[in-house]
Amino acid sequence: EFIHYDSDEELVCNSCRGELEERGGP
């Protein structure tokens, strides 16, 4: 799974991913 990622945004934890989605982020 990891080898398909190439940015910090793709590797954030579920908690941070939820916060980004709430703000309309990446």
mmCIF file of all heavy atoms, coordinates in Angstrom:
data_MODEL
# 
_entry.id   MODEL 
# 
loop_
_atom_site.group_PDB 
_atom_site.id 
_atom_site.type_symbol 
_atom_site.label_atom_id 
_atom_site.label_alt_id 
_atom_site.label_comp_id 
_atom_site.label_asym_id 
_atom_site.label_entity_id 
_atom_site.label_seq_id 
_atom_site.pdbx_PDB_ins_code 
_atom_site.Cartn_x 
_atom_site.Cartn_y 
_atom_site.Cartn_z 
_atom_site.occupancy 
_atom_site.B_iso_or_equiv 
_atom_site.pdbx_formal_charge 
_atom_site.auth_seq_id 
_atom_site.auth_comp_id 
_atom_site.auth_asym_id 
_atom_site.auth_atom_id 
_atom_site.pdbx_PDB_model_num 
ATOM 1   N N   . GLU A 1 1  ? 0.837   -1.192 0.000  1.00 0.00 ? 1  GLU A N   1 
ATOM 2   C CA  . GLU A 1 1  ? 0.000   0.000  0.000  1.00 0.00 ? 1  GLU A CA  1 
ATOM 3   C C   . GLU A 1 1  ? 0.879   1.253  0.000  1.00 0.00 ? 1  GLU A C   1 
ATOM 4   O O   . GLU A 1 1  ? 0.648   2.184  -0.774 1.00 0.00 ? 1  GLU A O   1 
ATOM 5   C CB  . GLU A 1 1  ? -0.900  -0.011 1.233  1.00 0.00 ? 1  GLU A CB  1 
ATOM 6   C CG  . GLU A 1 1  ? -1.825  1.169  1.350  1.00 0.00 ? 1  GLU A CG  1 
ATOM 7   C CD  . GLU A 1 1  ? -2.661  1.152  2.623  1.00 0.00 ? 1  GLU A CD  1 
ATOM 8   O OE1 . GLU A 1 1  ? -2.440  0.301  3.507  1.00 0.00 ? 1  GLU A OE1 1 
ATOM 9   O OE2 . GLU A 1 1  ? -3.534  2.022  2.730  1.00 0.00 ? 1  GLU A OE2 1 
ATOM 10  N N   . PHE A 1 2  ? 1.898   1.270  0.849  1.00 0.00 ? 2  PHE A N   1 
ATOM 11  C CA  . PHE A 1 2  ? 2.759   2.439  1.018  1.00 0.00 ? 2  PHE A CA  1 
ATOM 12  C C   . PHE A 1 2  ? 3.425   2.887  -0.289 1.00 0.00 ? 2  PHE A C   1 
ATOM 13  O O   . PHE A 1 2  ? 3.519   4.079  -0.551 1.00 0.00 ? 2  PHE A O   1 
ATOM 14  C CB  . PHE A 1 2  ? 3.827   2.143  2.075  1.00 0.00 ? 2  PHE A CB  1 
ATOM 15  C CG  . PHE A 1 2  ? 4.838   3.239  2.232  1.00 0.00 ? 2  PHE A CG  1 
ATOM 16  C CD1 . PHE A 1 2  ? 4.515   4.408  2.906  1.00 0.00 ? 2  PHE A CD1 1 
ATOM 17  C CD2 . PHE A 1 2  ? 6.117   3.123  1.698  1.00 0.00 ? 2  PHE A CD2 1 
ATOM 18  C CE1 . PHE A 1 2  ? 5.437   5.433  3.050  1.00 0.00 ? 2  PHE A CE1 1 
ATOM 19  C CE2 . PHE A 1 2  ? 7.046   4.130  1.833  1.00 0.00 ? 2  PHE A CE2 1 
ATOM 20  C CZ  . PHE A 1 2  ? 6.709   5.295  2.510  1.00 0.00 ? 2  PHE A CZ  1 
ATOM 21  N N   . ILE A 1 3  ? 3.857   1.956  -1.100 1.00 0.00 ? 3  ILE A N   1 
ATOM 22  C CA  . ILE A 1 3  ? 4.608   2.326  -2.308 1.00 0.00 ? 3  ILE A CA  1 
ATOM 23  C C   . ILE A 1 3  ? 3.784   3.112  -3.320 1.00 0.00 ? 3  ILE A C   1 
ATOM 24  O O   . ILE A 1 3  ? 4.335   3.712  -4.231 1.00 0.00 ? 3  ILE A O   1 
ATOM 25  C CB  . ILE A 1 3  ? 5.234   1.099  -3.007 1.00 0.00 ? 3  ILE A CB  1 
ATOM 26  C CG1 . ILE A 1 3  ? 4.139   0.122  -3.398 1.00 0.00 ? 3  ILE A CG1 1 
ATOM 27  C CG2 . ILE A 1 3  ? 6.305   0.465  -2.136 1.00 0.00 ? 3  ILE A CG2 1 
ATOM 28  C CD1 . ILE A 1 3  ? 4.580   -0.924 -4.381 1.00 0.00 ? 3  ILE A CD1 1 
ATOM 29  N N   . HIS A 1 4  ? 2.469   3.158  -3.152 1.00 0.00 ? 4  HIS A N   1 
ATOM 30  C CA  . HIS A 1 4  ? 1.618   3.920  -4.064 1.00 0.00 ? 4  HIS A CA  1 
ATOM 31  C C   . HIS A 1 4  ? 1.433   5.360  -3.596 1.00 0.00 ? 4  HIS A C   1 
ATOM 32  O O   . HIS A 1 4  ? 0.861   6.176  -4.313 1.00 0.00 ? 4  HIS A O   1 
ATOM 33  C CB  . HIS A 1 4  ? 0.271   3.224  -4.242 1.00 0.00 ? 4  HIS A CB  1 
ATOM 34  C CG  . HIS A 1 4  ? 0.409   1.892  -4.897 1.00 0.00 ? 4  HIS A CG  1 
ATOM 35  N ND1 . HIS A 1 4  ? 0.692   1.739  -6.238 1.00 0.00 ? 4  HIS A ND1 1 
ATOM 36  C CD2 . HIS A 1 4  ? 0.369   0.640  -4.386 1.00 0.00 ? 4  HIS A CD2 1 
ATOM 37  C CE1 . HIS A 1 4  ? 0.789   0.460  -6.537 1.00 0.00 ? 4  HIS A CE1 1 
ATOM 38  N NE2 . HIS A 1 4  ? 0.601   -0.231 -5.418 1.00 0.00 ? 4  HIS A NE2 1 
ATOM 39  N N   . TYR A 1 5  ? 1.929   5.687  -2.407 1.00 0.00 ? 5  TYR A N   1 
ATOM 40  C CA  . TYR A 1 5  ? 1.797   7.035  -1.867 1.00 0.00 ? 5  TYR A CA  1 
ATOM 41  C C   . TYR A 1 5  ? 3.053   7.845  -2.166 1.00 0.00 ? 5  TYR A C   1 
ATOM 42  O O   . TYR A 1 5  ? 4.164   7.325  -2.153 1.00 0.00 ? 5  TYR A O   1 
ATOM 43  C CB  . TYR A 1 5  ? 1.576   6.993  -0.352 1.00 0.00 ? 5  TYR A CB  1 
ATOM 44  C CG  . TYR A 1 5  ? 0.298   6.290  0.055  1.00 0.00 ? 5  TYR A CG  1 
ATOM 45  C CD1 . TYR A 1 5  ? 0.298   5.355  1.066  1.00 0.00 ? 5  TYR A CD1 1 
ATOM 46  C CD2 . TYR A 1 5  ? -0.901  6.576  -0.581 1.00 0.00 ? 5  TYR A CD2 1 
ATOM 47  C CE1 . TYR A 1 5  ? -0.874  4.713  1.449  1.00 0.00 ? 5  TYR A CE1 1 
ATOM 48  C CE2 . TYR A 1 5  ? -2.069  5.941  -0.213 1.00 0.00 ? 5  TYR A CE2 1 
ATOM 49  C CZ  . TYR A 1 5  ? -2.050  5.012  0.805  1.00 0.00 ? 5  TYR A CZ  1 
ATOM 50  O OH  . TYR A 1 5  ? -3.202  4.382  1.175  1.00 0.00 ? 5  TYR A OH  1 
ATOM 51  N N   . ASP A 1 6  ? 2.813   9.159  -2.394 1.00 0.00 ? 6  ASP A N   1 
ATOM 52  C CA  . ASP A 1 6  ? 3.967   10.007 -2.705 1.00 0.00 ? 6  ASP A CA  1 
ATOM 53  C C   . ASP A 1 6  ? 3.860   11.397 -2.082 1.00 0.00 ? 6  ASP A C   1 
ATOM 54  O O   . ASP A 1 6  ? 4.570   12.305 -2.476 1.00 0.00 ? 6  ASP A O   1 
ATOM 55  C CB  . ASP A 1 6  ? 4.158   10.119 -4.225 1.00 0.00 ? 6  ASP A CB  1 
ATOM 56  C CG  . ASP A 1 6  ? 2.895   10.534 -4.959 1.00 0.00 ? 6  ASP A CG  1 
ATOM 57  O OD1 . ASP A 1 6  ? 2.263   11.521 -4.540 1.00 0.00 ? 6  ASP A OD1 1 
ATOM 58  O OD2 . ASP A 1 6  ? 2.538   9.862  -5.942 1.00 0.00 ? 6  ASP A OD2 1 
ATOM 59  N N   . SER A 1 7  ? 2.966   11.555 -1.102 1.00 0.00 ? 7  SER A N   1 
ATOM 60  C CA  . SER A 1 7  ? 2.854   12.862 -0.438 1.00 0.00 ? 7  SER A CA  1 
ATOM 61  C C   . SER A 1 7  ? 2.457   12.681 1.016  1.00 0.00 ? 7  SER A C   1 
ATOM 62  O O   . SER A 1 7  ? 1.862   11.669 1.390  1.00 0.00 ? 7  SER A O   1 
ATOM 63  C CB  . SER A 1 7  ? 1.820   13.741 -1.151 1.00 0.00 ? 7  SER A CB  1 
ATOM 64  O OG  . SER A 1 7  ? 0.518   13.244 -0.935 1.00 0.00 ? 7  SER A OG  1 
ATOM 65  N N   . ASP A 1 8  ? 2.764   13.683 1.814  1.00 0.00 ? 8  ASP A N   1 
ATOM 66  C CA  . ASP A 1 8  ? 2.391   13.659 3.222  1.00 0.00 ? 8  ASP A CA  1 
ATOM 67  C C   . ASP A 1 8  ? 0.873   13.558 3.391  1.00 0.00 ? 8  ASP A C   1 
ATOM 68  O O   . ASP A 1 8  ? 0.384   12.858 4.271  1.00 0.00 ? 8  ASP A O   1 
ATOM 69  C CB  . ASP A 1 8  ? 2.879   14.925 3.933  1.00 0.00 ? 8  ASP A CB  1 
ATOM 70  C CG  . ASP A 1 8  ? 4.369   14.931 4.178  1.00 0.00 ? 8  ASP A CG  1 
ATOM 71  O OD1 . ASP A 1 8  ? 5.047   13.924 3.890  1.00 0.00 ? 8  ASP A OD1 1 
ATOM 72  O OD2 . ASP A 1 8  ? 4.866   15.963 4.671  1.00 0.00 ? 8  ASP A OD2 1 
ATOM 73  N N   . GLU A 1 9  ? 0.111   14.264 2.538  1.00 0.00 ? 9  GLU A N   1 
ATOM 74  C CA  . GLU A 1 9  ? -1.342  14.285 2.657  1.00 0.00 ? 9  GLU A CA  1 
ATOM 75  C C   . GLU A 1 9  ? -1.947  12.892 2.548  1.00 0.00 ? 9  GLU A C   1 
ATOM 76  O O   . GLU A 1 9  ? -2.967  12.600 3.156  1.00 0.00 ? 9  GLU A O   1 
ATOM 77  C CB  . GLU A 1 9  ? -1.951  15.199 1.594  1.00 0.00 ? 9  GLU A CB  1 
ATOM 78  C CG  . GLU A 1 9  ? -1.681  16.675 1.813  1.00 0.00 ? 9  GLU A CG  1 
ATOM 79  C CD  . GLU A 1 9  ? -0.298  17.102 1.325  1.00 0.00 ? 9  GLU A CD  1 
ATOM 80  O OE1 . GLU A 1 9  ? 0.333   16.376 0.526  1.00 0.00 ? 9  GLU A OE1 1 
ATOM 81  O OE2 . GLU A 1 9  ? 0.164   18.163 1.774  1.00 0.00 ? 9  GLU A OE2 1 
ATOM 82  N N   . GLU A 1 10 ? -1.324  12.020 1.782  1.00 0.00 ? 10 GLU A N   1 
ATOM 83  C CA  . GLU A 1 10 ? -1.834  10.661 1.612  1.00 0.00 ? 10 GLU A CA  1 
ATOM 84  C C   . GLU A 1 10 ? -1.536  9.766  2.810  1.00 0.00 ? 10 GLU A C   1 
ATOM 85  O O   . GLU A 1 10 ? -2.121  8.702  2.946  1.00 0.00 ? 10 GLU A O   1 
ATOM 86  C CB  . GLU A 1 10 ? -1.234  10.020 0.355  1.00 0.00 ? 10 GLU A CB  1 
ATOM 87  C CG  . GLU A 1 10 ? -1.642  10.714 -0.927 1.00 0.00 ? 10 GLU A CG  1 
ATOM 88  C CD  . GLU A 1 10 ? -0.899  10.182 -2.127 1.00 0.00 ? 10 GLU A CD  1 
ATOM 89  O OE1 . GLU A 1 10 ? 0.342   10.093 -2.076 1.00 0.00 ? 10 GLU A OE1 1 
ATOM 90  O OE2 . GLU A 1 10 ? -1.570  9.856  -3.108 1.00 0.00 ? 10 GLU A OE2 1 
ATOM 91  N N   . LEU A 1 11 ? -0.645  10.199 3.674  1.00 0.00 ? 11 LEU A N   1 
ATOM 92  C CA  . LEU A 1 11 ? -0.187  9.363  4.783  1.00 0.00 ? 11 LEU A CA  1 
ATOM 93  C C   . LEU A 1 11 ? -0.678  9.813  6.153  1.00 0.00 ? 11 LEU A C   1 
ATOM 94  O O   . LEU A 1 11 ? -0.242  9.292  7.163  1.00 0.00 ? 11 LEU A O   1 
ATOM 95  C CB  . LEU A 1 11 ? 1.351   9.301  4.772  1.00 0.00 ? 11 LEU A CB  1 
ATOM 96  C CG  . LEU A 1 11 ? 1.939   8.605  3.548  1.00 0.00 ? 11 LEU A CG  1 
ATOM 97  C CD1 . LEU A 1 11 ? 3.444   8.838  3.473  1.00 0.00 ? 11 LEU A CD1 1 
ATOM 98  C CD2 . LEU A 1 11 ? 1.626   7.123  3.579  1.00 0.00 ? 11 LEU A CD2 1 
ATOM 99  N N   . VAL A 1 12 ? -1.611  10.771 6.185  1.00 0.00 ? 12 VAL A N   1 
ATOM 100 C CA  . VAL A 1 12 ? -2.111  11.227 7.480  1.00 0.00 ? 12 VAL A CA  1 
ATOM 101 C C   . VAL A 1 12 ? -2.981  10.155 8.126  1.00 0.00 ? 12 VAL A C   1 
ATOM 102 O O   . VAL A 1 12 ? -3.551  9.295  7.441  1.00 0.00 ? 12 VAL A O   1 
ATOM 103 C CB  . VAL A 1 12 ? -2.895  12.555 7.364  1.00 0.00 ? 12 VAL A CB  1 
ATOM 104 C CG1 . VAL A 1 12 ? -1.990  13.688 6.924  1.00 0.00 ? 12 VAL A CG1 1 
ATOM 105 C CG2 . VAL A 1 12 ? -4.103  12.425 6.473  1.00 0.00 ? 12 VAL A CG2 1 
ATOM 106 N N   . CYS A 1 13 ? -3.072  10.198 9.446  1.00 0.00 ? 13 CYS A N   1 
ATOM 107 C CA  . CYS A 1 13 ? -3.892  9.237  10.190 1.00 0.00 ? 13 CYS A CA  1 
ATOM 108 C C   . CYS A 1 13 ? -5.373  9.512  9.931  1.00 0.00 ? 13 CYS A C   1 
ATOM 109 O O   . CYS A 1 13 ? -5.746  10.549 9.376  1.00 0.00 ? 13 CYS A O   1 
ATOM 110 C CB  . CYS A 1 13 ? -3.570  9.318  11.679 1.00 0.00 ? 13 CYS A CB  1 
ATOM 111 S SG  . CYS A 1 13 ? -4.066  10.864 12.469 1.00 0.00 ? 13 CYS A SG  1 
ATOM 112 N N   . ASN A 1 14 ? -6.218  8.593  10.363 1.00 0.00 ? 14 ASN A N   1 
ATOM 113 C CA  . ASN A 1 14 ? -7.666  8.740  10.160 1.00 0.00 ? 14 ASN A CA  1 
ATOM 114 C C   . ASN A 1 14 ? -8.214  9.992  10.828 1.00 0.00 ? 14 ASN A C   1 
ATOM 115 O O   . ASN A 1 14 ? -9.098  10.654 10.288 1.00 0.00 ? 14 ASN A O   1 
ATOM 116 C CB  . ASN A 1 14 ? -8.406  7.504  10.664 1.00 0.00 ? 14 ASN A CB  1 
ATOM 117 C CG  . ASN A 1 14 ? -8.152  6.307  9.783  1.00 0.00 ? 14 ASN A CG  1 
ATOM 118 O OD1 . ASN A 1 14 ? -7.798  6.435  8.616  1.00 0.00 ? 14 ASN A OD1 1 
ATOM 119 N ND2 . ASN A 1 14 ? -8.324  5.127  10.343 1.00 0.00 ? 14 ASN A ND2 1 
ATOM 120 N N   . SER A 1 15 ? -7.698  10.326 11.990 1.00 0.00 ? 15 SER A N   1 
ATOM 121 C CA  . SER A 1 15 ? -8.159  11.514 12.699 1.00 0.00 ? 15 SER A CA  1 
ATOM 122 C C   . SER A 1 15 ? -7.850  12.782 11.891 1.00 0.00 ? 15 SER A C   1 
ATOM 123 O O   . SER A 1 15 ? -8.726  13.628 11.696 1.00 0.00 ? 15 SER A O   1 
ATOM 124 C CB  . SER A 1 15 ? -7.500  11.583 14.076 1.00 0.00 ? 15 SER A CB  1 
ATOM 125 O OG  . SER A 1 15 ? -7.893  12.745 14.752 1.00 0.00 ? 15 SER A OG  1 
ATOM 126 N N   . CYS A 1 16 ? -6.639  12.914 11.423 1.00 0.00 ? 16 CYS A N   1 
ATOM 127 C CA  . CYS A 1 16 ? -6.261  14.087 10.626 1.00 0.00 ? 16 CYS A CA  1 
ATOM 128 C C   . CYS A 1 16 ? -6.985  14.082 9.284  1.00 0.00 ? 16 CYS A C   1 
ATOM 129 O O   . CYS A 1 16 ? -7.375  15.135 8.784  1.00 0.00 ? 16 CYS A O   1 
ATOM 130 C CB  . CYS A 1 16 ? -4.753  14.132 10.410 1.00 0.00 ? 16 CYS A CB  1 
ATOM 131 S SG  . CYS A 1 16 ? -3.831  14.572 11.894 1.00 0.00 ? 16 CYS A SG  1 
ATOM 132 N N   . ARG A 1 17 ? -7.184  12.924 8.699  1.00 0.00 ? 17 ARG A N   1 
ATOM 133 C CA  . ARG A 1 17 ? -7.898  12.828 7.426  1.00 0.00 ? 17 ARG A CA  1 
ATOM 134 C C   . ARG A 1 17 ? -9.323  13.357 7.615  1.00 0.00 ? 17 ARG A C   1 
ATOM 135 O O   . ARG A 1 17 ? -9.830  14.102 6.786  1.00 0.00 ? 17 ARG A O   1 
ATOM 136 C CB  . ARG A 1 17 ? -7.925  11.391 6.916  1.00 0.00 ? 17 ARG A CB  1 
ATOM 137 C CG  . ARG A 1 17 ? -8.679  11.248 5.608  1.00 0.00 ? 17 ARG A CG  1 
ATOM 138 C CD  . ARG A 1 17 ? -8.505  9.884  4.975  1.00 0.00 ? 17 ARG A CD  1 
ATOM 139 N NE  . ARG A 1 17 ? -7.171  9.826  4.381  1.00 0.00 ? 17 ARG A NE  1 
ATOM 140 C CZ  . ARG A 1 17 ? -6.203  9.002  4.769  1.00 0.00 ? 17 ARG A CZ  1 
ATOM 141 N NH1 . ARG A 1 17 ? -6.401  8.131  5.713  1.00 0.00 ? 17 ARG A NH1 1 
ATOM 142 N NH2 . ARG A 1 17 ? -5.027  9.024  4.184  1.00 0.00 ? 17 ARG A NH2 1 
ATOM 143 N N   . GLY A 1 18 ? -9.964  13.007 8.728  1.00 0.00 ? 18 GLY A N   1 
ATOM 144 C CA  . GLY A 1 18 ? -11.306 13.511 9.011  1.00 0.00 ? 18 GLY A CA  1 
ATOM 145 C C   . GLY A 1 18 ? -11.330 15.020 9.147  1.00 0.00 ? 18 GLY A C   1 
ATOM 146 O O   . GLY A 1 18 ? -12.221 15.687 8.633  1.00 0.00 ? 18 GLY A O   1 
ATOM 147 N N   . GLU A 1 19 ? -10.332 15.584 9.816  1.00 0.00 ? 19 GLU A N   1 
ATOM 148 C CA  . GLU A 1 19 ? -10.250 17.031 9.973  1.00 0.00 ? 19 GLU A CA  1 
ATOM 149 C C   . GLU A 1 19 ? -10.067 17.714 8.624  1.00 0.00 ? 19 GLU A C   1 
ATOM 150 O O   . GLU A 1 19 ? -10.669 18.740 8.348  1.00 0.00 ? 19 GLU A O   1 
ATOM 151 C CB  . GLU A 1 19 ? -9.097  17.403 10.906 1.00 0.00 ? 19 GLU A CB  1 
ATOM 152 C CG  . GLU A 1 19 ? -9.337  17.026 12.351 1.00 0.00 ? 19 GLU A CG  1 
ATOM 153 C CD  . GLU A 1 19 ? -8.112  17.250 13.229 1.00 0.00 ? 19 GLU A CD  1 
ATOM 154 O OE1 . GLU A 1 19 ? -7.164  17.927 12.775 1.00 0.00 ? 19 GLU A OE1 1 
ATOM 155 O OE2 . GLU A 1 19 ? -8.112  16.748 14.365 1.00 0.00 ? 19 GLU A OE2 1 
ATOM 156 N N   . LEU A 1 20 ? -9.238  17.132 7.754  1.00 0.00 ? 20 LEU A N   1 
ATOM 157 C CA  . LEU A 1 20 ? -9.030  17.705 6.432  1.00 0.00 ? 20 LEU A CA  1 
ATOM 158 C C   . LEU A 1 20 ? -10.320 17.671 5.619  1.00 0.00 ? 20 LEU A C   1 
ATOM 159 O O   . LEU A 1 20 ? -10.657 18.632 4.924  1.00 0.00 ? 20 LEU A O   1 
ATOM 160 C CB  . LEU A 1 20 ? -7.933  16.941 5.681  1.00 0.00 ? 20 LEU A CB  1 
ATOM 161 C CG  . LEU A 1 20 ? -6.501  17.196 6.132  1.00 0.00 ? 20 LEU A CG  1 
ATOM 162 C CD1 . LEU A 1 20 ? -5.559  16.207 5.464  1.00 0.00 ? 20 LEU A CD1 1 
ATOM 163 C CD2 . LEU A 1 20 ? -6.088  18.620 5.797  1.00 0.00 ? 20 LEU A CD2 1 
ATOM 164 N N   . GLU A 1 21 ? -11.050 16.571 5.709  1.00 0.00 ? 21 GLU A N   1 
ATOM 165 C CA  . GLU A 1 21 ? -12.312 16.455 4.970  1.00 0.00 ? 21 GLU A CA  1 
ATOM 166 C C   . GLU A 1 21 ? -13.336 17.454 5.479  1.00 0.00 ? 21 GLU A C   1 
ATOM 167 O O   . GLU A 1 21 ? -14.062 18.060 4.686  1.00 0.00 ? 21 GLU A O   1 
ATOM 168 C CB  . GLU A 1 21 ? -12.850 15.038 5.076  1.00 0.00 ? 21 GLU A CB  1 
ATOM 169 C CG  . GLU A 1 21 ? -12.031 14.041 4.278  1.00 0.00 ? 21 GLU A CG  1 
ATOM 170 C CD  . GLU A 1 21 ? -12.419 12.581 4.511  1.00 0.00 ? 21 GLU A CD  1 
ATOM 171 O OE1 . GLU A 1 21 ? -13.270 12.322 5.389  1.00 0.00 ? 21 GLU A OE1 1 
ATOM 172 O OE2 . GLU A 1 21 ? -11.857 11.724 3.806  1.00 0.00 ? 21 GLU A OE2 1 
ATOM 173 N N   . GLU A 1 22 ? -13.384 17.663 6.788  1.00 0.00 ? 22 GLU A N   1 
ATOM 174 C CA  . GLU A 1 22 ? -14.309 18.626 7.366  1.00 0.00 ? 22 GLU A CA  1 
ATOM 175 C C   . GLU A 1 22 ? -14.017 20.030 6.872  1.00 0.00 ? 22 GLU A C   1 
ATOM 176 O O   . GLU A 1 22 ? -14.928 20.831 6.654  1.00 0.00 ? 22 GLU A O   1 
ATOM 177 C CB  . GLU A 1 22 ? -14.254 18.588 8.889  1.00 0.00 ? 22 GLU A CB  1 
ATOM 178 C CG  . GLU A 1 22 ? -14.885 17.358 9.490  1.00 0.00 ? 22 GLU A CG  1 
ATOM 179 C CD  . GLU A 1 22 ? -14.660 17.257 10.994 1.00 0.00 ? 22 GLU A CD  1 
ATOM 180 O OE1 . GLU A 1 22 ? -14.246 18.270 11.607 1.00 0.00 ? 22 GLU A OE1 1 
ATOM 181 O OE2 . GLU A 1 22 ? -14.880 16.161 11.538 1.00 0.00 ? 22 GLU A OE2 1 
ATOM 182 N N   . ARG A 1 23 ? -12.743 20.357 6.658  1.00 0.00 ? 23 ARG A N   1 
ATOM 183 C CA  . ARG A 1 23 ? -12.347 21.687 6.182  1.00 0.00 ? 23 ARG A CA  1 
ATOM 184 C C   . ARG A 1 23 ? -12.392 21.779 4.660  1.00 0.00 ? 23 ARG A C   1 
ATOM 185 O O   . ARG A 1 23 ? -12.097 22.811 4.092  1.00 0.00 ? 23 ARG A O   1 
ATOM 186 C CB  . ARG A 1 23 ? -10.939 22.025 6.660  1.00 0.00 ? 23 ARG A CB  1 
ATOM 187 C CG  . ARG A 1 23 ? -10.822 22.194 8.160  1.00 0.00 ? 23 ARG A CG  1 
ATOM 188 C CD  . ARG A 1 23 ? -9.481  22.793 8.542  1.00 0.00 ? 23 ARG A CD  1 
ATOM 189 N NE  . ARG A 1 23 ? -8.365  22.187 7.868  1.00 0.00 ? 23 ARG A NE  1 
ATOM 190 C CZ  . ARG A 1 23 ? -7.426  21.430 8.430  1.00 0.00 ? 23 ARG A CZ  1 
ATOM 191 N NH1 . ARG A 1 23 ? -7.486  21.190 9.714  1.00 0.00 ? 23 ARG A NH1 1 
ATOM 192 N NH2 . ARG A 1 23 ? -6.437  20.947 7.731  1.00 0.00 ? 23 ARG A NH2 1 
ATOM 193 N N   . GLY A 1 24 ? -12.704 20.656 3.987  1.00 0.00 ? 24 GLY A N   1 
ATOM 194 C CA  . GLY A 1 24 ? -12.734 20.681 2.519  1.00 0.00 ? 24 GLY A CA  1 
ATOM 195 C C   . GLY A 1 24 ? -11.331 20.634 1.935  1.00 0.00 ? 24 GLY A C   1 
ATOM 196 O O   . GLY A 1 24 ? -11.104 21.113 0.835  1.00 0.00 ? 24 GLY A O   1 
ATOM 197 N N   . GLY A 1 25 ? -10.370 20.028 2.680  1.00 0.00 ? 25 GLY A N   1 
ATOM 198 C CA  . GLY A 1 25 ? -8.981  19.946 2.225  1.00 0.00 ? 25 GLY A CA  1 
ATOM 199 C C   . GLY A 1 25 ? -8.790  18.888 1.174  1.00 0.00 ? 25 GLY A C   1 
ATOM 200 O O   . GLY A 1 25 ? -9.739  18.439 0.536  1.00 0.00 ? 25 GLY A O   1 
ATOM 201 N N   . PRO A 1 26 ? -7.549  18.447 0.976  1.00 0.00 ? 26 PRO A N   1 
ATOM 202 C CA  . PRO A 1 26 ? -7.199  17.529 -0.106 1.00 0.00 ? 26 PRO A CA  1 
ATOM 203 C C   . PRO A 1 26 ? -8.001  16.240 -0.135 1.00 0.00 ? 26 PRO A C   1 
ATOM 204 O O   . PRO A 1 26 ? -8.183  15.660 -1.189 1.00 0.00 ? 26 PRO A O   1 
ATOM 205 C CB  . PRO A 1 26 ? -5.722  17.211 0.154  1.00 0.00 ? 26 PRO A CB  1 
ATOM 206 C CG  . PRO A 1 26 ? -5.222  18.291 1.030  1.00 0.00 ? 26 PRO A CG  1 
ATOM 207 C CD  . PRO A 1 26 ? -6.412  18.800 1.791  1.00 0.00 ? 26 PRO A CD  1 
# 
